[in-house]
Amino acid sequence: MARILVIDDESAVRESLRHALASIGHEVVLAADGVEGMAALGKMAADLVITDLYMPNQDGVETIVEMRKSYPSIPVIAISGNAEAGNMLSVAKKLGVVGVLQKPFQVSELRSSVEAALKPTGPKV
């Protein structure tokens, strides 16, 4: 399956995402903020990044912008539970994320988004 980097400042969210993704066979690497996430990407390849948008040290938008410079082909799913998440999720879409999820979301929504993000894109006909 895929190696997925999950970046979220809430340990309970990180662990629930790890459990949900590992249960369908994915390898999951965890990071507590964008700085830690970027460091992890510097050490290993990821097939997908799932990042929260509101985090200390380096938020999700800053992380996505930095990732696009160094790792432009890695698909990203943005997540957020903040009351103003709609605005930030719109910004994330403009930055090229392949999916957005507003917390709380169902495991089935997560799995669908991950499957869509990891689906190989062939030539457009």
N, C-alpha and C. Protein backbone atom coordinates (compact mmCIF):
# COMPACT_ATOMS: atom_id res chain seq x y z
N MET A 1 0.83 -1.18 0.00
CA MET A 1 0.00 0.00 0.00
C MET A 1 0.88 1.25 0.00
N ALA A 2 0.40 2.32 0.58
CA ALA A 2 1.09 3.60 0.49
C ALA A 2 1.70 4.02 1.82
N ARG A 3 2.70 4.89 1.74
CA ARG A 3 3.25 5.53 2.93
C ARG A 3 2.59 6.91 3.02
N ILE A 4 1.90 7.14 4.13
CA ILE A 4 1.14 8.37 4.32
C ILE A 4 1.69 9.14 5.52
N LEU A 5 2.01 10.41 5.30
CA LEU A 5 2.46 11.29 6.36
C LEU A 5 1.24 12.05 6.88
N VAL A 6 0.96 11.92 8.17
CA VAL A 6 -0.14 12.62 8.82
C VAL A 6 0.45 13.72 9.70
N ILE A 7 0.04 14.97 9.44
CA ILE A 7 0.53 16.11 10.21
C ILE A 7 -0.66 16.74 10.92
N ASP A 8 -0.67 16.67 12.25
CA ASP A 8 -1.75 17.25 13.05
C ASP A 8 -1.21 17.49 14.45
N ASP A 9 -1.58 18.63 15.04
CA ASP A 9 -1.07 18.96 16.37
C ASP A 9 -1.81 18.24 17.50
N GLU A 10 -2.93 17.62 17.21
CA GLU A 10 -3.68 16.90 18.24
C GLU A 10 -3.30 15.42 18.20
N SER A 11 -2.71 14.94 19.29
CA SER A 11 -2.22 13.56 19.31
C SER A 11 -3.36 12.56 19.13
N ALA A 12 -4.54 12.84 19.66
CA ALA A 12 -5.67 11.91 19.50
C ALA A 12 -6.08 11.80 18.04
N VAL A 13 -6.04 12.91 17.31
CA VAL A 13 -6.38 12.89 15.88
C VAL A 13 -5.32 12.10 15.12
N ARG A 14 -4.04 12.37 15.42
CA ARG A 14 -2.97 11.63 14.75
C ARG A 14 -3.14 10.12 14.95
N GLU A 15 -3.40 9.72 16.18
CA GLU A 15 -3.52 8.29 16.47
C GLU A 15 -4.75 7.68 15.82
N SER A 16 -5.86 8.42 15.78
CA SER A 16 -7.06 7.85 15.14
C SER A 16 -6.85 7.73 13.63
N LEU A 17 -6.15 8.70 13.03
CA LEU A 17 -5.84 8.60 11.60
C LEU A 17 -4.87 7.45 11.35
N ARG A 18 -3.89 7.29 12.23
CA ARG A 18 -2.95 6.17 12.08
C ARG A 18 -3.72 4.85 12.11
N HIS A 19 -4.58 4.70 13.07
CA HIS A 19 -5.35 3.46 13.21
C HIS A 19 -6.22 3.20 11.97
N ALA A 20 -6.95 4.23 11.54
CA ALA A 20 -7.85 4.07 10.39
C ALA A 20 -7.08 3.71 9.12
N LEU A 21 -5.94 4.36 8.91
CA LEU A 21 -5.16 4.11 7.69
C LEU A 21 -4.38 2.81 7.75
N ALA A 22 -3.83 2.49 8.91
CA ALA A 22 -3.08 1.24 9.06
C ALA A 22 -4.02 0.03 8.93
N SER A 23 -5.27 0.19 9.36
CA SER A 23 -6.22 -0.92 9.28
C SER A 23 -6.54 -1.33 7.85
N ILE A 24 -6.25 -0.44 6.89
CA ILE A 24 -6.45 -0.80 5.48
C ILE A 24 -5.11 -0.99 4.75
N GLY A 25 -4.05 -1.17 5.55
CA GLY A 25 -2.78 -1.59 5.00
C GLY A 25 -1.75 -0.52 4.70
N HIS A 26 -2.03 0.73 5.03
CA HIS A 26 -1.07 1.79 4.75
C HIS A 26 -0.03 1.91 5.86
N GLU A 27 1.17 2.32 5.48
CA GLU A 27 2.20 2.67 6.45
C GLU A 27 1.97 4.14 6.80
N VAL A 28 1.94 4.46 8.08
CA VAL A 28 1.62 5.81 8.52
C VAL A 28 2.77 6.39 9.34
N VAL A 29 3.20 7.60 8.96
CA VAL A 29 4.22 8.34 9.69
C VAL A 29 3.52 9.57 10.27
N LEU A 30 3.81 9.89 11.53
CA LEU A 30 3.13 10.99 12.20
C LEU A 30 4.06 12.16 12.47
N ALA A 31 3.48 13.37 12.39
CA ALA A 31 4.20 14.61 12.72
C ALA A 31 3.23 15.54 13.43
N ALA A 32 3.75 16.31 14.42
CA ALA A 32 2.91 17.15 15.27
C ALA A 32 2.68 18.56 14.72
N ASP A 33 3.47 18.97 13.72
CA ASP A 33 3.27 20.28 13.10
C ASP A 33 4.00 20.30 11.77
N GLY A 34 3.87 21.41 11.05
CA GLY A 34 4.46 21.51 9.73
C GLY A 34 5.98 21.40 9.72
N VAL A 35 6.63 21.94 10.74
CA VAL A 35 8.09 21.86 10.81
C VAL A 35 8.52 20.39 10.91
N GLU A 36 7.86 19.66 11.81
CA GLU A 36 8.17 18.23 11.98
C GLU A 36 7.81 17.45 10.71
N GLY A 37 6.72 17.82 10.07
CA GLY A 37 6.30 17.15 8.84
C GLY A 37 7.30 17.34 7.72
N MET A 38 7.77 18.56 7.54
CA MET A 38 8.76 18.82 6.49
C MET A 38 10.07 18.09 6.78
N ALA A 39 10.44 18.00 8.06
CA ALA A 39 11.65 17.25 8.42
C ALA A 39 11.47 15.78 8.07
N ALA A 40 10.28 15.24 8.32
CA ALA A 40 10.02 13.84 7.99
C ALA A 40 10.11 13.61 6.48
N LEU A 41 9.58 14.56 5.69
CA LEU A 41 9.66 14.42 4.23
C LEU A 41 11.10 14.47 3.74
N GLY A 42 11.95 15.19 4.46
CA GLY A 42 13.36 15.25 4.08
C GLY A 42 14.09 13.94 4.32
N LYS A 43 13.51 13.08 5.18
CA LYS A 43 14.16 11.82 5.52
C LYS A 43 13.57 10.61 4.81
N MET A 44 12.34 10.74 4.31
CA MET A 44 11.70 9.60 3.67
C MET A 44 10.70 10.07 2.63
N ALA A 45 10.43 9.20 1.68
CA ALA A 45 9.44 9.51 0.65
C ALA A 45 8.05 9.22 1.19
N ALA A 46 7.09 10.03 0.77
CA ALA A 46 5.69 9.79 1.14
C ALA A 46 4.87 9.75 -0.15
N ASP A 47 3.85 8.91 -0.15
CA ASP A 47 2.94 8.82 -1.29
C ASP A 47 1.79 9.80 -1.16
N LEU A 48 1.53 10.25 0.07
CA LEU A 48 0.42 11.14 0.36
C LEU A 48 0.69 11.85 1.67
N VAL A 49 0.26 13.12 1.76
CA VAL A 49 0.34 13.87 3.01
C VAL A 49 -1.08 14.29 3.38
N ILE A 50 -1.43 14.07 4.64
CA ILE A 50 -2.68 14.57 5.20
C ILE A 50 -2.28 15.58 6.26
N THR A 51 -2.69 16.84 6.08
CA THR A 51 -2.27 17.87 7.03
C THR A 51 -3.44 18.68 7.57
N ASP A 52 -3.38 18.93 8.86
CA ASP A 52 -4.30 19.86 9.49
C ASP A 52 -3.90 21.25 9.03
N LEU A 53 -4.84 22.18 9.04
CA LEU A 53 -4.52 23.55 8.61
C LEU A 53 -4.16 24.47 9.76
N TYR A 54 -4.72 24.25 10.93
CA TYR A 54 -4.46 25.12 12.08
C TYR A 54 -3.56 24.39 13.06
N MET A 55 -2.27 24.78 13.10
CA MET A 55 -1.30 24.16 13.99
C MET A 55 -0.30 25.22 14.44
N PRO A 56 0.33 25.01 15.60
CA PRO A 56 1.39 25.93 16.03
C PRO A 56 2.66 25.71 15.22
N ASN A 57 3.59 26.62 15.35
CA ASN A 57 4.92 26.58 14.72
C ASN A 57 4.87 26.79 13.21
N GLN A 58 4.16 25.96 12.50
CA GLN A 58 4.01 26.12 11.05
C GLN A 58 2.66 25.51 10.68
N ASP A 59 1.73 26.35 10.24
CA ASP A 59 0.39 25.85 9.96
C ASP A 59 0.35 25.08 8.64
N GLY A 60 -0.83 24.54 8.35
CA GLY A 60 -0.97 23.69 7.17
C GLY A 60 -0.78 24.42 5.86
N VAL A 61 -1.26 25.65 5.77
CA VAL A 61 -1.09 26.41 4.52
C VAL A 61 0.39 26.66 4.27
N GLU A 62 1.12 27.10 5.30
CA GLU A 62 2.57 27.31 5.14
C GLU A 62 3.26 26.00 4.74
N THR A 63 2.82 24.91 5.33
CA THR A 63 3.41 23.60 5.03
C THR A 63 3.14 23.21 3.58
N ILE A 64 1.89 23.41 3.13
CA ILE A 64 1.55 23.07 1.74
C ILE A 64 2.37 23.91 0.77
N VAL A 65 2.50 25.20 1.04
CA VAL A 65 3.30 26.08 0.17
C VAL A 65 4.74 25.59 0.10
N GLU A 66 5.32 25.26 1.25
CA GLU A 66 6.71 24.77 1.29
C GLU A 66 6.83 23.42 0.58
N MET A 67 5.86 22.54 0.79
CA MET A 67 5.89 21.23 0.12
C MET A 67 5.83 21.37 -1.39
N ARG A 68 5.02 22.28 -1.89
CA ARG A 68 4.88 22.48 -3.33
C ARG A 68 6.20 22.89 -3.97
N LYS A 69 7.04 23.59 -3.22
CA LYS A 69 8.35 24.00 -3.75
C LYS A 69 9.30 22.81 -3.84
N SER A 70 9.33 21.98 -2.82
CA SER A 70 10.30 20.89 -2.76
C SER A 70 9.76 19.55 -3.24
N TYR A 71 8.46 19.32 -3.06
CA TYR A 71 7.85 18.04 -3.40
C TYR A 71 6.53 18.29 -4.15
N PRO A 72 6.60 18.85 -5.35
CA PRO A 72 5.37 19.27 -6.04
C PRO A 72 4.42 18.14 -6.43
N SER A 73 4.92 16.92 -6.53
CA SER A 73 4.06 15.84 -7.02
C SER A 73 3.36 15.05 -5.91
N ILE A 74 3.67 15.31 -4.64
CA ILE A 74 3.02 14.57 -3.56
C ILE A 74 1.60 15.11 -3.38
N PRO A 75 0.60 14.24 -3.48
CA PRO A 75 -0.76 14.70 -3.24
C PRO A 75 -0.98 15.03 -1.76
N VAL A 76 -1.85 16.02 -1.52
CA VAL A 76 -2.11 16.48 -0.16
C VAL A 76 -3.62 16.52 0.07
N ILE A 77 -4.02 16.04 1.23
CA ILE A 77 -5.39 16.20 1.71
C ILE A 77 -5.33 17.13 2.91
N ALA A 78 -6.13 18.21 2.88
CA ALA A 78 -6.18 19.17 3.98
C ALA A 78 -7.36 18.85 4.88
N ILE A 79 -7.15 18.93 6.19
CA ILE A 79 -8.22 18.70 7.16
C ILE A 79 -8.24 19.84 8.15
N SER A 80 -9.42 20.12 8.71
CA SER A 80 -9.52 21.14 9.74
C SER A 80 -10.83 21.01 10.49
N GLY A 81 -10.77 21.36 11.76
CA GLY A 81 -11.95 21.38 12.60
C GLY A 81 -12.22 22.76 13.14
N ASN A 82 -11.44 23.74 12.74
CA ASN A 82 -11.59 25.11 13.20
C ASN A 82 -12.90 25.70 12.69
N ALA A 83 -13.48 26.59 13.47
CA ALA A 83 -14.75 27.22 13.08
C ALA A 83 -14.65 27.97 11.76
N GLU A 84 -13.47 28.48 11.44
CA GLU A 84 -13.26 29.20 10.19
C GLU A 84 -12.65 28.29 9.11
N ALA A 85 -12.82 27.00 9.26
CA ALA A 85 -12.18 26.04 8.37
C ALA A 85 -12.58 26.21 6.91
N GLY A 86 -13.81 26.61 6.66
CA GLY A 86 -14.27 26.75 5.28
C GLY A 86 -13.39 27.66 4.46
N ASN A 87 -13.01 28.80 5.03
CA ASN A 87 -12.13 29.74 4.33
C ASN A 87 -10.75 29.13 4.08
N MET A 88 -10.19 28.51 5.11
CA MET A 88 -8.85 27.94 4.96
C MET A 88 -8.86 26.74 4.01
N LEU A 89 -9.92 25.95 4.05
CA LEU A 89 -10.00 24.82 3.13
C LEU A 89 -10.10 25.31 1.69
N SER A 90 -10.75 26.45 1.48
CA SER A 90 -10.81 27.05 0.13
C SER A 90 -9.42 27.49 -0.32
N VAL A 91 -8.67 28.08 0.60
CA VAL A 91 -7.29 28.49 0.29
C VAL A 91 -6.47 27.25 -0.06
N ALA A 92 -6.63 26.19 0.71
CA ALA A 92 -5.89 24.95 0.46
C ALA A 92 -6.20 24.40 -0.94
N LYS A 93 -7.48 24.47 -1.34
CA LYS A 93 -7.84 24.00 -2.68
C LYS A 93 -7.10 24.79 -3.75
N LYS A 94 -6.97 26.09 -3.53
CA LYS A 94 -6.25 26.93 -4.50
C LYS A 94 -4.77 26.57 -4.56
N LEU A 95 -4.26 25.97 -3.50
CA LEU A 95 -2.86 25.55 -3.46
C LEU A 95 -2.66 24.16 -4.06
N GLY A 96 -3.75 23.56 -4.55
CA GLY A 96 -3.62 22.30 -5.26
C GLY A 96 -3.81 21.05 -4.44
N VAL A 97 -4.45 21.14 -3.28
CA VAL A 97 -4.70 19.91 -2.54
C VAL A 97 -5.69 19.05 -3.33
N VAL A 98 -5.61 17.75 -3.15
CA VAL A 98 -6.47 16.84 -3.89
C VAL A 98 -7.75 16.51 -3.15
N GLY A 99 -7.82 16.92 -1.89
CA GLY A 99 -9.02 16.66 -1.11
C GLY A 99 -9.05 17.52 0.13
N VAL A 100 -10.25 17.78 0.64
CA VAL A 100 -10.42 18.52 1.89
C VAL A 100 -11.46 17.80 2.74
N LEU A 101 -11.20 17.74 4.03
CA LEU A 101 -12.12 17.13 4.97
C LEU A 101 -12.29 18.06 6.17
N GLN A 102 -13.53 18.31 6.54
CA GLN A 102 -13.79 19.12 7.72
C GLN A 102 -14.07 18.18 8.90
N LYS A 103 -13.33 18.39 9.99
CA LYS A 103 -13.51 17.58 11.19
C LYS A 103 -14.83 17.99 11.86
N PRO A 104 -15.53 17.08 12.45
CA PRO A 104 -15.26 15.63 12.45
C PRO A 104 -15.73 15.00 11.15
N PHE A 105 -14.98 14.04 10.66
CA PHE A 105 -15.38 13.33 9.45
C PHE A 105 -15.42 11.84 9.75
N GLN A 106 -16.14 11.14 8.92
CA GLN A 106 -16.29 9.69 9.08
C GLN A 106 -15.06 8.98 8.49
N VAL A 107 -14.75 7.81 9.03
CA VAL A 107 -13.64 7.01 8.51
C VAL A 107 -13.89 6.69 7.04
N SER A 108 -15.14 6.46 6.66
CA SER A 108 -15.44 6.16 5.25
C SER A 108 -15.09 7.35 4.35
N GLU A 109 -15.29 8.58 4.83
CA GLU A 109 -14.91 9.77 4.06
C GLU A 109 -13.40 9.84 3.91
N LEU A 110 -12.69 9.55 4.99
CA LEU A 110 -11.23 9.54 4.95
C LEU A 110 -10.74 8.51 3.94
N ARG A 111 -11.26 7.32 4.02
CA ARG A 111 -10.82 6.24 3.11
C ARG A 111 -11.11 6.61 1.66
N SER A 112 -12.27 7.17 1.39
CA SER A 112 -12.61 7.58 0.02
C SER A 112 -11.65 8.64 -0.49
N SER A 113 -11.34 9.63 0.36
CA SER A 113 -10.41 10.69 -0.04
C SER A 113 -9.02 10.15 -0.30
N VAL A 114 -8.58 9.23 0.56
CA VAL A 114 -7.25 8.64 0.40
C VAL A 114 -7.20 7.81 -0.88
N GLU A 115 -8.21 7.00 -1.13
CA GLU A 115 -8.25 6.20 -2.35
C GLU A 115 -8.20 7.09 -3.59
N ALA A 116 -8.98 8.16 -3.58
CA ALA A 116 -8.99 9.08 -4.73
C ALA A 116 -7.63 9.75 -4.90
N ALA A 117 -7.00 10.14 -3.80
CA ALA A 117 -5.71 10.83 -3.87
C ALA A 117 -4.60 9.92 -4.38
N LEU A 118 -4.71 8.63 -4.07
CA LEU A 118 -3.66 7.69 -4.46
C LEU A 118 -3.90 7.04 -5.82
N LYS A 119 -5.06 7.29 -6.39
CA LYS A 119 -5.40 6.71 -7.70
C LYS A 119 -4.44 7.27 -8.74
N PRO A 120 -3.81 6.39 -9.51
CA PRO A 120 -2.90 6.88 -10.54
C PRO A 120 -3.66 7.69 -11.59
N THR A 121 -3.05 8.77 -12.01
CA THR A 121 -3.67 9.57 -13.04
C THR A 121 -3.01 9.25 -14.36
N GLY A 122 -3.82 8.80 -15.27
CA GLY A 122 -3.31 8.46 -16.59
C GLY A 122 -3.44 9.64 -17.52
N PRO A 123 -3.07 9.45 -18.79
CA PRO A 123 -3.19 10.56 -19.75
C PRO A 123 -4.66 10.91 -19.96
N LYS A 124 -4.92 12.17 -20.09
CA LYS A 124 -6.29 12.65 -20.32
C LYS A 124 -6.65 12.39 -21.77
N VAL A 125 -7.83 11.82 -21.98
CA VAL A 125 -8.28 11.50 -23.34
C VAL A 125 -9.34 12.48 -23.76
